[in-house]
mmCIF file of all heavy atoms, coordinates in Angstrom:
data_MODEL
# 
_entry.id   MODEL 
# 
loop_
_atom_site.group_PDB 
_atom_site.id 
_atom_site.type_symbol 
_atom_site.label_atom_id 
_atom_site.label_alt_id 
_atom_site.label_comp_id 
_atom_site.label_asym_id 
_atom_site.label_entity_id 
_atom_site.label_seq_id 
_atom_site.pdbx_PDB_ins_code 
_atom_site.Cartn_x 
_atom_site.Cartn_y 
_atom_site.Cartn_z 
_atom_site.occupancy 
_atom_site.B_iso_or_equiv 
_atom_site.pdbx_formal_charge 
_atom_site.auth_seq_id 
_atom_site.auth_comp_id 
_atom_site.auth_asym_id 
_atom_site.auth_atom_id 
_atom_site.pdbx_PDB_model_num 
ATOM 1   N N   . LEU A 1 1  ? -54.916 27.162 20.870 1.00 0.00 ? 1  LEU A N   1 
ATOM 2   C CA  . LEU A 1 1  ? -55.761 27.948 21.699 1.00 0.00 ? 1  LEU A CA  1 
ATOM 3   C C   . LEU A 1 1  ? -55.687 27.476 23.144 1.00 0.00 ? 1  LEU A C   1 
ATOM 4   O O   . LEU A 1 1  ? -55.878 26.289 23.426 1.00 0.00 ? 1  LEU A O   1 
ATOM 5   C CB  . LEU A 1 1  ? -57.246 27.846 21.251 1.00 0.00 ? 1  LEU A CB  1 
ATOM 6   C CG  . LEU A 1 1  ? -58.240 28.762 22.012 1.00 0.00 ? 1  LEU A CG  1 
ATOM 7   C CD1 . LEU A 1 1  ? -59.283 29.244 21.032 1.00 0.00 ? 1  LEU A CD1 1 
ATOM 8   C CD2 . LEU A 1 1  ? -58.880 28.065 23.176 1.00 0.00 ? 1  LEU A CD2 1 
ATOM 9   N N   . PHE A 1 2  ? -55.231 28.335 24.029 1.00 0.00 ? 2  PHE A N   1 
ATOM 10  C CA  . PHE A 1 2  ? -55.085 28.032 25.422 1.00 0.00 ? 2  PHE A CA  1 
ATOM 11  C C   . PHE A 1 2  ? -56.342 28.578 26.202 1.00 0.00 ? 2  PHE A C   1 
ATOM 12  O O   . PHE A 1 2  ? -56.615 29.777 26.138 1.00 0.00 ? 2  PHE A O   1 
ATOM 13  C CB  . PHE A 1 2  ? -53.855 28.736 26.035 1.00 0.00 ? 2  PHE A CB  1 
ATOM 14  C CG  . PHE A 1 2  ? -52.578 28.127 25.575 1.00 0.00 ? 2  PHE A CG  1 
ATOM 15  C CD1 . PHE A 1 2  ? -51.902 28.652 24.464 1.00 0.00 ? 2  PHE A CD1 1 
ATOM 16  C CD2 . PHE A 1 2  ? -51.995 27.063 26.260 1.00 0.00 ? 2  PHE A CD2 1 
ATOM 17  C CE1 . PHE A 1 2  ? -50.701 28.126 24.044 1.00 0.00 ? 2  PHE A CE1 1 
ATOM 18  C CE2 . PHE A 1 2  ? -50.800 26.506 25.847 1.00 0.00 ? 2  PHE A CE2 1 
ATOM 19  C CZ  . PHE A 1 2  ? -50.151 27.057 24.759 1.00 0.00 ? 2  PHE A CZ  1 
ATOM 20  N N   . VAL A 1 3  ? -57.052 27.701 26.907 1.00 0.00 ? 3  VAL A N   1 
ATOM 21  C CA  . VAL A 1 3  ? -58.119 28.118 27.730 1.00 0.00 ? 3  VAL A CA  1 
ATOM 22  C C   . VAL A 1 3  ? -57.506 28.464 29.046 1.00 0.00 ? 3  VAL A C   1 
ATOM 23  O O   . VAL A 1 3  ? -56.867 27.647 29.709 1.00 0.00 ? 3  VAL A O   1 
ATOM 24  C CB  . VAL A 1 3  ? -59.196 26.978 27.910 1.00 0.00 ? 3  VAL A CB  1 
ATOM 25  C CG1 . VAL A 1 3  ? -60.218 27.355 28.963 1.00 0.00 ? 3  VAL A CG1 1 
ATOM 26  C CG2 . VAL A 1 3  ? -59.830 26.663 26.591 1.00 0.00 ? 3  VAL A CG2 1 
ATOM 27  N N   . ALA A 1 4  ? -57.673 29.742 29.443 1.00 0.00 ? 4  ALA A N   1 
ATOM 28  C CA  . ALA A 1 4  ? -57.066 30.211 30.694 1.00 0.00 ? 4  ALA A CA  1 
ATOM 29  C C   . ALA A 1 4  ? -58.038 30.003 31.886 1.00 0.00 ? 4  ALA A C   1 
ATOM 30  O O   . ALA A 1 4  ? -57.557 29.779 33.005 1.00 0.00 ? 4  ALA A O   1 
ATOM 31  C CB  . ALA A 1 4  ? -56.751 31.691 30.610 1.00 0.00 ? 4  ALA A CB  1 
ATOM 32  N N   . ASP A 1 5  ? -59.299 30.028 31.624 1.00 0.00 ? 5  ASP A N   1 
ATOM 33  C CA  . ASP A 1 5  ? -60.285 29.919 32.680 1.00 0.00 ? 5  ASP A CA  1 
ATOM 34  C C   . ASP A 1 5  ? -61.634 29.545 32.100 1.00 0.00 ? 5  ASP A C   1 
ATOM 35  O O   . ASP A 1 5  ? -62.035 30.060 31.039 1.00 0.00 ? 5  ASP A O   1 
ATOM 36  C CB  . ASP A 1 5  ? -60.417 31.281 33.418 1.00 0.00 ? 5  ASP A CB  1 
ATOM 37  C CG  . ASP A 1 5  ? -60.632 31.181 34.876 1.00 0.00 ? 5  ASP A CG  1 
ATOM 38  O OD1 . ASP A 1 5  ? -60.649 30.078 35.437 1.00 0.00 ? 5  ASP A OD1 1 
ATOM 39  O OD2 . ASP A 1 5  ? -60.880 32.264 35.545 1.00 0.00 ? 5  ASP A OD2 1 
ATOM 40  N N   . LEU A 1 6  ? -62.316 28.645 32.791 1.00 0.00 ? 6  LEU A N   1 
ATOM 41  C CA  . LEU A 1 6  ? -63.691 28.240 32.411 1.00 0.00 ? 6  LEU A CA  1 
ATOM 42  C C   . LEU A 1 6  ? -64.450 28.104 33.697 1.00 0.00 ? 6  LEU A C   1 
ATOM 43  O O   . LEU A 1 6  ? -64.028 27.479 34.684 1.00 0.00 ? 6  LEU A O   1 
ATOM 44  C CB  . LEU A 1 6  ? -63.697 26.901 31.666 1.00 0.00 ? 6  LEU A CB  1 
ATOM 45  C CG  . LEU A 1 6  ? -65.091 26.271 31.495 1.00 0.00 ? 6  LEU A CG  1 
ATOM 46  C CD1 . LEU A 1 6  ? -65.937 27.072 30.553 1.00 0.00 ? 6  LEU A CD1 1 
ATOM 47  C CD2 . LEU A 1 6  ? -64.974 24.832 31.022 1.00 0.00 ? 6  LEU A CD2 1 
ATOM 48  N N   . PHE A 1 7  ? -65.645 28.751 33.708 1.00 0.00 ? 7  PHE A N   1 
ATOM 49  C CA  . PHE A 1 7  ? -66.491 28.596 34.909 1.00 0.00 ? 7  PHE A CA  1 
ATOM 50  C C   . PHE A 1 7  ? -67.926 28.703 34.475 1.00 0.00 ? 7  PHE A C   1 
ATOM 51  O O   . PHE A 1 7  ? -68.348 29.431 33.596 1.00 0.00 ? 7  PHE A O   1 
ATOM 52  C CB  . PHE A 1 7  ? -66.184 29.718 35.909 1.00 0.00 ? 7  PHE A CB  1 
ATOM 53  C CG  . PHE A 1 7  ? -67.084 29.633 37.129 1.00 0.00 ? 7  PHE A CG  1 
ATOM 54  C CD1 . PHE A 1 7  ? -66.869 28.704 38.105 1.00 0.00 ? 7  PHE A CD1 1 
ATOM 55  C CD2 . PHE A 1 7  ? -68.154 30.518 37.260 1.00 0.00 ? 7  PHE A CD2 1 
ATOM 56  C CE1 . PHE A 1 7  ? -67.699 28.585 39.198 1.00 0.00 ? 7  PHE A CE1 1 
ATOM 57  C CE2 . PHE A 1 7  ? -68.975 30.435 38.367 1.00 0.00 ? 7  PHE A CE2 1 
ATOM 58  C CZ  . PHE A 1 7  ? -68.729 29.450 39.353 1.00 0.00 ? 7  PHE A CZ  1 
ATOM 59  N N   . VAL A 1 8  ? -68.749 27.846 35.153 1.00 0.00 ? 8  VAL A N   1 
ATOM 60  C CA  . VAL A 1 8  ? -70.176 27.881 34.988 1.00 0.00 ? 8  VAL A CA  1 
ATOM 61  C C   . VAL A 1 8  ? -70.812 27.977 36.379 1.00 0.00 ? 8  VAL A C   1 
ATOM 62  O O   . VAL A 1 8  ? -70.413 27.302 37.292 1.00 0.00 ? 8  VAL A O   1 
ATOM 63  C CB  . VAL A 1 8  ? -70.721 26.594 34.304 1.00 0.00 ? 8  VAL A CB  1 
ATOM 64  C CG1 . VAL A 1 8  ? -72.252 26.553 34.230 1.00 0.00 ? 8  VAL A CG1 1 
ATOM 65  C CG2 . VAL A 1 8  ? -70.128 26.474 32.916 1.00 0.00 ? 8  VAL A CG2 1 
ATOM 66  N N   . SER A 1 9  ? -71.741 28.950 36.508 1.00 0.00 ? 9  SER A N   1 
ATOM 67  C CA  . SER A 1 9  ? -72.387 29.152 37.826 1.00 0.00 ? 9  SER A CA  1 
ATOM 68  C C   . SER A 1 9  ? -73.010 27.856 38.304 1.00 0.00 ? 9  SER A C   1 
ATOM 69  O O   . SER A 1 9  ? -73.586 27.084 37.558 1.00 0.00 ? 9  SER A O   1 
ATOM 70  C CB  . SER A 1 9  ? -73.469 30.218 37.743 1.00 0.00 ? 9  SER A CB  1 
ATOM 71  O OG  . SER A 1 9  ? -72.842 31.475 37.489 1.00 0.00 ? 9  SER A OG  1 
ATOM 72  N N   . GLU A 1 10 ? -72.883 27.613 39.615 1.00 0.00 ? 10 GLU A N   1 
ATOM 73  C CA  . GLU A 1 10 ? -73.334 26.383 40.202 1.00 0.00 ? 10 GLU A CA  1 
ATOM 74  C C   . GLU A 1 10 ? -74.796 26.087 39.934 1.00 0.00 ? 10 GLU A C   1 
ATOM 75  O O   . GLU A 1 10 ? -75.165 24.948 39.682 1.00 0.00 ? 10 GLU A O   1 
ATOM 76  C CB  . GLU A 1 10 ? -73.069 26.394 41.722 1.00 0.00 ? 10 GLU A CB  1 
ATOM 77  C CG  . GLU A 1 10 ? -73.423 25.068 42.379 1.00 0.00 ? 10 GLU A CG  1 
ATOM 78  C CD  . GLU A 1 10 ? -73.008 25.054 43.852 1.00 0.00 ? 10 GLU A CD  1 
ATOM 79  O OE1 . GLU A 1 10 ? -72.573 26.067 44.403 1.00 0.00 ? 10 GLU A OE1 1 
ATOM 80  O OE2 . GLU A 1 10 ? -73.114 23.951 44.428 1.00 0.00 ? 10 GLU A OE2 1 
ATOM 81  N N   . SER A 1 11 ? -75.638 27.120 39.953 1.00 0.00 ? 11 SER A N   1 
ATOM 82  C CA  . SER A 1 11 ? -77.042 26.924 39.782 1.00 0.00 ? 11 SER A CA  1 
ATOM 83  C C   . SER A 1 11 ? -77.457 26.382 38.385 1.00 0.00 ? 11 SER A C   1 
ATOM 84  O O   . SER A 1 11 ? -78.525 25.892 38.188 1.00 0.00 ? 11 SER A O   1 
ATOM 85  C CB  . SER A 1 11 ? -77.810 28.237 40.025 1.00 0.00 ? 11 SER A CB  1 
ATOM 86  O OG  . SER A 1 11 ? -77.418 29.188 39.076 1.00 0.00 ? 11 SER A OG  1 
ATOM 87  N N   . ILE A 1 12 ? -76.512 26.480 37.444 1.00 0.00 ? 12 ILE A N   1 
ATOM 88  C CA  . ILE A 1 12 ? -76.826 26.090 36.090 1.00 0.00 ? 12 ILE A CA  1 
ATOM 89  C C   . ILE A 1 12 ? -75.966 24.928 35.571 1.00 0.00 ? 12 ILE A C   1 
ATOM 90  O O   . ILE A 1 12 ? -76.094 24.475 34.438 1.00 0.00 ? 12 ILE A O   1 
ATOM 91  C CB  . ILE A 1 12 ? -76.681 27.310 35.123 1.00 0.00 ? 12 ILE A CB  1 
ATOM 92  C CG1 . ILE A 1 12 ? -77.516 27.137 33.844 1.00 0.00 ? 12 ILE A CG1 1 
ATOM 93  C CG2 . ILE A 1 12 ? -75.288 27.639 34.818 1.00 0.00 ? 12 ILE A CG2 1 
ATOM 94  C CD1 . ILE A 1 12 ? -78.978 27.249 34.064 1.00 0.00 ? 12 ILE A CD1 1 
ATOM 95  N N   . ARG A 1 13 ? -75.090 24.411 36.424 1.00 0.00 ? 13 ARG A N   1 
ATOM 96  C CA  . ARG A 1 13 ? -74.255 23.284 35.975 1.00 0.00 ? 13 ARG A CA  1 
ATOM 97  C C   . ARG A 1 13 ? -75.055 22.104 35.552 1.00 0.00 ? 13 ARG A C   1 
ATOM 98  O O   . ARG A 1 13 ? -76.142 21.853 36.067 1.00 0.00 ? 13 ARG A O   1 
ATOM 99  C CB  . ARG A 1 13 ? -73.277 22.870 37.116 1.00 0.00 ? 13 ARG A CB  1 
ATOM 100 C CG  . ARG A 1 13 ? -72.170 23.893 37.294 1.00 0.00 ? 13 ARG A CG  1 
ATOM 101 C CD  . ARG A 1 13 ? -71.095 23.426 38.197 1.00 0.00 ? 13 ARG A CD  1 
ATOM 102 N NE  . ARG A 1 13 ? -70.323 24.643 38.585 1.00 0.00 ? 13 ARG A NE  1 
ATOM 103 C CZ  . ARG A 1 13 ? -70.036 24.953 39.793 1.00 0.00 ? 13 ARG A CZ  1 
ATOM 104 N NH1 . ARG A 1 13 ? -70.291 24.149 40.797 1.00 0.00 ? 13 ARG A NH1 1 
ATOM 105 N NH2 . ARG A 1 13 ? -69.403 26.070 40.023 1.00 0.00 ? 13 ARG A NH2 1 
ATOM 106 N N   . ARG A 1 14 ? -74.520 21.316 34.707 1.00 0.00 ? 14 ARG A N   1 
ATOM 107 C CA  . ARG A 1 14 ? -75.105 20.130 34.127 1.00 0.00 ? 14 ARG A CA  1 
ATOM 108 C C   . ARG A 1 14 ? -76.211 20.511 33.099 1.00 0.00 ? 14 ARG A C   1 
ATOM 109 O O   . ARG A 1 14 ? -76.958 19.669 32.706 1.00 0.00 ? 14 ARG A O   1 
ATOM 110 C CB  . ARG A 1 14 ? -75.650 19.147 35.143 1.00 0.00 ? 14 ARG A CB  1 
ATOM 111 C CG  . ARG A 1 14 ? -74.595 18.758 36.140 1.00 0.00 ? 14 ARG A CG  1 
ATOM 112 C CD  . ARG A 1 14 ? -74.755 17.338 36.631 1.00 0.00 ? 14 ARG A CD  1 
ATOM 113 N NE  . ARG A 1 14 ? -73.807 16.986 37.589 1.00 0.00 ? 14 ARG A NE  1 
ATOM 114 C CZ  . ARG A 1 14 ? -72.583 16.509 37.295 1.00 0.00 ? 14 ARG A CZ  1 
ATOM 115 N NH1 . ARG A 1 14 ? -72.194 16.379 36.073 1.00 0.00 ? 14 ARG A NH1 1 
ATOM 116 N NH2 . ARG A 1 14 ? -71.773 16.172 38.244 1.00 0.00 ? 14 ARG A NH2 1 
ATOM 117 N N   . GLY A 1 15 ? -76.176 21.794 32.636 1.00 0.00 ? 15 GLY A N   1 
ATOM 118 C CA  . GLY A 1 15 ? -77.099 22.202 31.642 1.00 0.00 ? 15 GLY A CA  1 
ATOM 119 C C   . GLY A 1 15 ? -76.451 22.416 30.319 1.00 0.00 ? 15 GLY A C   1 
ATOM 120 O O   . GLY A 1 15 ? -76.962 23.086 29.452 1.00 0.00 ? 15 GLY A O   1 
ATOM 121 N N   . ASN A 1 16 ? -75.274 21.861 30.120 1.00 0.00 ? 16 ASN A N   1 
ATOM 122 C CA  . ASN A 1 16 ? -74.492 21.924 28.872 1.00 0.00 ? 16 ASN A CA  1 
ATOM 123 C C   . ASN A 1 16 ? -73.870 23.279 28.603 1.00 0.00 ? 16 ASN A C   1 
ATOM 124 O O   . ASN A 1 16 ? -73.416 23.537 27.487 1.00 0.00 ? 16 ASN A O   1 
ATOM 125 C CB  . ASN A 1 16 ? -75.324 21.440 27.691 1.00 0.00 ? 16 ASN A CB  1 
ATOM 126 C CG  . ASN A 1 16 ? -75.582 19.955 27.771 1.00 0.00 ? 16 ASN A CG  1 
ATOM 127 O OD1 . ASN A 1 16 ? -74.739 19.170 28.183 1.00 0.00 ? 16 ASN A OD1 1 
ATOM 128 N ND2 . ASN A 1 16 ? -76.795 19.609 27.432 1.00 0.00 ? 16 ASN A ND2 1 
ATOM 129 N N   . VAL A 1 17 ? -73.873 24.179 29.615 1.00 0.00 ? 17 VAL A N   1 
ATOM 130 C CA  . VAL A 1 17 ? -73.270 25.496 29.406 1.00 0.00 ? 17 VAL A CA  1 
ATOM 131 C C   . VAL A 1 17 ? -71.768 25.377 29.264 1.00 0.00 ? 17 VAL A C   1 
ATOM 132 O O   . VAL A 1 17 ? -71.183 25.976 28.346 1.00 0.00 ? 17 VAL A O   1 
ATOM 133 C CB  . VAL A 1 17 ? -73.646 26.467 30.556 1.00 0.00 ? 17 VAL A CB  1 
ATOM 134 C CG1 . VAL A 1 17 ? -72.903 27.770 30.493 1.00 0.00 ? 17 VAL A CG1 1 
ATOM 135 C CG2 . VAL A 1 17 ? -75.152 26.676 30.589 1.00 0.00 ? 17 VAL A CG2 1 
ATOM 136 N N   . GLY A 1 18 ? -71.098 24.606 30.093 1.00 0.00 ? 18 GLY A N   1 
ATOM 137 C CA  . GLY A 1 18 ? -69.685 24.373 29.999 1.00 0.00 ? 18 GLY A CA  1 
ATOM 138 C C   . GLY A 1 18 ? -69.296 23.770 28.682 1.00 0.00 ? 18 GLY A C   1 
ATOM 139 O O   . GLY A 1 18 ? -68.340 24.176 27.986 1.00 0.00 ? 18 GLY A O   1 
ATOM 140 N N   . SER A 1 19 ? -70.075 22.786 28.250 1.00 0.00 ? 19 SER A N   1 
ATOM 141 C CA  . SER A 1 19 ? -69.823 22.133 26.954 1.00 0.00 ? 19 SER A CA  1 
ATOM 142 C C   . SER A 1 19 ? -69.977 23.149 25.819 1.00 0.00 ? 19 SER A C   1 
ATOM 143 O O   . SER A 1 19 ? -69.198 23.192 24.885 1.00 0.00 ? 19 SER A O   1 
ATOM 144 C CB  . SER A 1 19 ? -70.832 21.005 26.740 1.00 0.00 ? 19 SER A CB  1 
ATOM 145 O OG  . SER A 1 19 ? -70.646 20.048 27.688 1.00 0.00 ? 19 SER A OG  1 
ATOM 146 N N   . ALA A 1 20 ? -71.001 24.003 25.872 1.00 0.00 ? 20 ALA A N   1 
ATOM 147 C CA  . ALA A 1 20 ? -71.202 25.015 24.831 1.00 0.00 ? 20 ALA A CA  1 
ATOM 148 C C   . ALA A 1 20 ? -70.006 25.960 24.748 1.00 0.00 ? 20 ALA A C   1 
ATOM 149 O O   . ALA A 1 20 ? -69.565 26.302 23.650 1.00 0.00 ? 20 ALA A O   1 
ATOM 150 C CB  . ALA A 1 20 ? -72.508 25.824 25.130 1.00 0.00 ? 20 ALA A CB  1 
ATOM 151 N N   . LEU A 1 21 ? -69.480 26.352 25.909 1.00 0.00 ? 21 LEU A N   1 
ATOM 152 C CA  . LEU A 1 21 ? -68.281 27.239 25.925 1.00 0.00 ? 21 LEU A CA  1 
ATOM 153 C C   . LEU A 1 21 ? -67.074 26.561 25.345 1.00 0.00 ? 21 LEU A C   1 
ATOM 154 O O   . LEU A 1 21 ? -66.385 27.110 24.532 1.00 0.00 ? 21 LEU A O   1 
ATOM 155 C CB  . LEU A 1 21 ? -68.031 27.725 27.366 1.00 0.00 ? 21 LEU A CB  1 
ATOM 156 C CG  . LEU A 1 21 ? -68.974 28.796 27.899 1.00 0.00 ? 21 LEU A CG  1 
ATOM 157 C CD1 . LEU A 1 21 ? -68.866 28.863 29.408 1.00 0.00 ? 21 LEU A CD1 1 
ATOM 158 C CD2 . LEU A 1 21 ? -68.607 30.186 27.259 1.00 0.00 ? 21 LEU A CD2 1 
ATOM 159 N N   . MET A 1 22 ? -66.891 25.309 25.762 1.00 0.00 ? 22 MET A N   1 
ATOM 160 C CA  . MET A 1 22 ? -65.695 24.549 25.229 1.00 0.00 ? 22 MET A CA  1 
ATOM 161 C C   . MET A 1 22 ? -65.832 24.334 23.739 1.00 0.00 ? 22 MET A C   1 
ATOM 162 O O   . MET A 1 22 ? -64.863 24.427 22.984 1.00 0.00 ? 22 MET A O   1 
ATOM 163 C CB  . MET A 1 22 ? -65.495 23.264 26.006 1.00 0.00 ? 22 MET A CB  1 
ATOM 164 C CG  . MET A 1 22 ? -64.989 23.468 27.435 1.00 0.00 ? 22 MET A CG  1 
ATOM 165 S SD  . MET A 1 22 ? -63.376 24.221 27.496 1.00 0.00 ? 22 MET A SD  1 
ATOM 166 C CE  . MET A 1 22 ? -62.329 22.909 26.898 1.00 0.00 ? 22 MET A CE  1 
ATOM 167 N N   . PHE A 1 23 ? -67.005 23.938 23.255 1.00 0.00 ? 23 PHE A N   1 
ATOM 168 C CA  . PHE A 1 23 ? -67.178 23.689 21.818 1.00 0.00 ? 23 PHE A CA  1 
ATOM 169 C C   . PHE A 1 23 ? -67.003 24.970 21.022 1.00 0.00 ? 23 PHE A C   1 
ATOM 170 O O   . PHE A 1 23 ? -66.454 24.927 19.907 1.00 0.00 ? 23 PHE A O   1 
ATOM 171 C CB  . PHE A 1 23 ? -68.526 23.033 21.539 1.00 0.00 ? 23 PHE A CB  1 
ATOM 172 C CG  . PHE A 1 23 ? -68.510 21.550 21.796 1.00 0.00 ? 23 PHE A CG  1 
ATOM 173 C CD1 . PHE A 1 23 ? -69.190 21.046 22.904 1.00 0.00 ? 23 PHE A CD1 1 
ATOM 174 C CD2 . PHE A 1 23 ? -67.800 20.681 21.001 1.00 0.00 ? 23 PHE A CD2 1 
ATOM 175 C CE1 . PHE A 1 23 ? -69.167 19.678 23.171 1.00 0.00 ? 23 PHE A CE1 1 
ATOM 176 C CE2 . PHE A 1 23 ? -67.752 19.320 21.249 1.00 0.00 ? 23 PHE A CE2 1 
ATOM 177 C CZ  . PHE A 1 23 ? -68.422 18.808 22.366 1.00 0.00 ? 23 PHE A CZ  1 
ATOM 178 N N   . ARG A 1 24 ? -67.435 26.114 21.547 1.00 0.00 ? 24 ARG A N   1 
ATOM 179 C CA  . ARG A 1 24 ? -67.194 27.399 20.875 1.00 0.00 ? 24 ARG A CA  1 
ATOM 180 C C   . ARG A 1 24 ? -65.711 27.675 20.848 1.00 0.00 ? 24 ARG A C   1 
ATOM 181 O O   . ARG A 1 24 ? -65.182 28.137 19.813 1.00 0.00 ? 24 ARG A O   1 
ATOM 182 C CB  . ARG A 1 24 ? -67.962 28.522 21.573 1.00 0.00 ? 24 ARG A CB  1 
ATOM 183 C CG  . ARG A 1 24 ? -67.758 29.881 20.904 1.00 0.00 ? 24 ARG A CG  1 
ATOM 184 C CD  . ARG A 1 24 ? -68.261 29.890 19.416 1.00 0.00 ? 24 ARG A CD  1 
ATOM 185 N NE  . ARG A 1 24 ? -67.854 31.113 18.775 1.00 0.00 ? 24 ARG A NE  1 
ATOM 186 C CZ  . ARG A 1 24 ? -67.158 31.175 17.643 1.00 0.00 ? 24 ARG A CZ  1 
ATOM 187 N NH1 . ARG A 1 24 ? -66.781 30.080 17.039 1.00 0.00 ? 24 ARG A NH1 1 
ATOM 188 N NH2 . ARG A 1 24 ? -66.832 32.318 17.137 1.00 0.00 ? 24 ARG A NH2 1 
ATOM 189 N N   . ALA A 1 25 ? -65.003 27.423 21.923 1.00 0.00 ? 25 ALA A N   1 
ATOM 190 C CA  . ALA A 1 25 ? -63.531 27.579 21.915 1.00 0.00 ? 25 ALA A CA  1 
ATOM 191 C C   . ALA A 1 25 ? -62.888 26.732 20.861 1.00 0.00 ? 25 ALA A C   1 
ATOM 192 O O   . ALA A 1 25 ? -61.948 27.160 20.173 1.00 0.00 ? 25 ALA A O   1 
ATOM 193 C CB  . ALA A 1 25 ? -62.941 27.302 23.309 1.00 0.00 ? 25 ALA A CB  1 
ATOM 194 N N   . ARG A 1 26 ? -63.350 25.524 20.720 1.00 0.00 ? 26 ARG A N   1 
ATOM 195 C CA  . ARG A 1 26 ? -62.806 24.612 19.678 1.00 0.00 ? 26 ARG A CA  1 
ATOM 196 C C   . ARG A 1 26 ? -63.099 25.141 18.289 1.00 0.00 ? 26 ARG A C   1 
ATOM 197 O O   . ARG A 1 26 ? -62.204 25.051 17.420 1.00 0.00 ? 26 ARG A O   1 
ATOM 198 C CB  . ARG A 1 26 ? -63.320 23.182 19.891 1.00 0.00 ? 26 ARG A CB  1 
ATOM 199 C CG  . ARG A 1 26 ? -62.580 22.211 19.042 1.00 0.00 ? 26 ARG A CG  1 
ATOM 200 C CD  . ARG A 1 26 ? -62.845 20.774 19.384 1.00 0.00 ? 26 ARG A CD  1 
ATOM 201 N NE  . ARG A 1 26 ? -64.188 20.435 18.958 1.00 0.00 ? 26 ARG A NE  1 
ATOM 202 C CZ  . ARG A 1 26 ? -64.649 19.185 19.051 1.00 0.00 ? 26 ARG A CZ  1 
ATOM 203 N NH1 . ARG A 1 26 ? -63.950 18.215 19.513 1.00 0.00 ? 26 ARG A NH1 1 
ATOM 204 N NH2 . ARG A 1 26 ? -65.892 18.957 18.618 1.00 0.00 ? 26 ARG A NH2 1 
ATOM 205 N N   . GLU A 1 27 ? -64.244 25.720 18.073 1.00 0.00 ? 27 GLU A N   1 
ATOM 206 C CA  . GLU A 1 27 ? -64.574 26.336 16.776 1.00 0.00 ? 27 GLU A CA  1 
ATOM 207 C C   . GLU A 1 27 ? -63.602 27.479 16.485 1.00 0.00 ? 27 GLU A C   1 
ATOM 208 O O   . GLU A 1 27 ? -63.129 27.628 15.347 1.00 0.00 ? 27 GLU A O   1 
ATOM 209 C CB  . GLU A 1 27 ? -66.001 26.833 16.766 1.00 0.00 ? 27 GLU A CB  1 
ATOM 210 C CG  . GLU A 1 27 ? -67.072 25.781 16.691 1.00 0.00 ? 27 GLU A CG  1 
ATOM 211 C CD  . GLU A 1 27 ? -68.469 26.375 16.850 1.00 0.00 ? 27 GLU A CD  1 
ATOM 212 O OE1 . GLU A 1 27 ? -68.628 27.625 16.779 1.00 0.00 ? 27 GLU A OE1 1 
ATOM 213 O OE2 . GLU A 1 27 ? -69.387 25.549 17.059 1.00 0.00 ? 27 GLU A OE2 1 
ATOM 214 N N   . ILE A 1 28 ? -63.365 28.291 17.491 1.00 0.00 ? 28 ILE A N   1 
ATOM 215 C CA  . ILE A 1 28 ? -62.457 29.430 17.326 1.00 0.00 ? 28 ILE A CA  1 
ATOM 216 C C   . ILE A 1 28 ? -61.069 28.951 17.029 1.00 0.00 ? 28 ILE A C   1 
ATOM 217 O O   . ILE A 1 28 ? -60.322 29.447 16.168 1.00 0.00 ? 28 ILE A O   1 
ATOM 218 C CB  . ILE A 1 28 ? -62.469 30.320 18.616 1.00 0.00 ? 28 ILE A CB  1 
ATOM 219 C CG1 . ILE A 1 28 ? -63.793 31.033 18.734 1.00 0.00 ? 28 ILE A CG1 1 
ATOM 220 C CG2 . ILE A 1 28 ? -61.306 31.340 18.547 1.00 0.00 ? 28 ILE A CG2 1 
ATOM 221 C CD1 . ILE A 1 28 ? -64.087 31.686 20.038 1.00 0.00 ? 28 ILE A CD1 1 
# 
């Protein structure tokens, strides 16, 4: 699985949103 792009809006960073996206990608 190649991640082409990952972005989390600045106002919400450090709220585990990026981690949630990456962990879902790993599940896929």
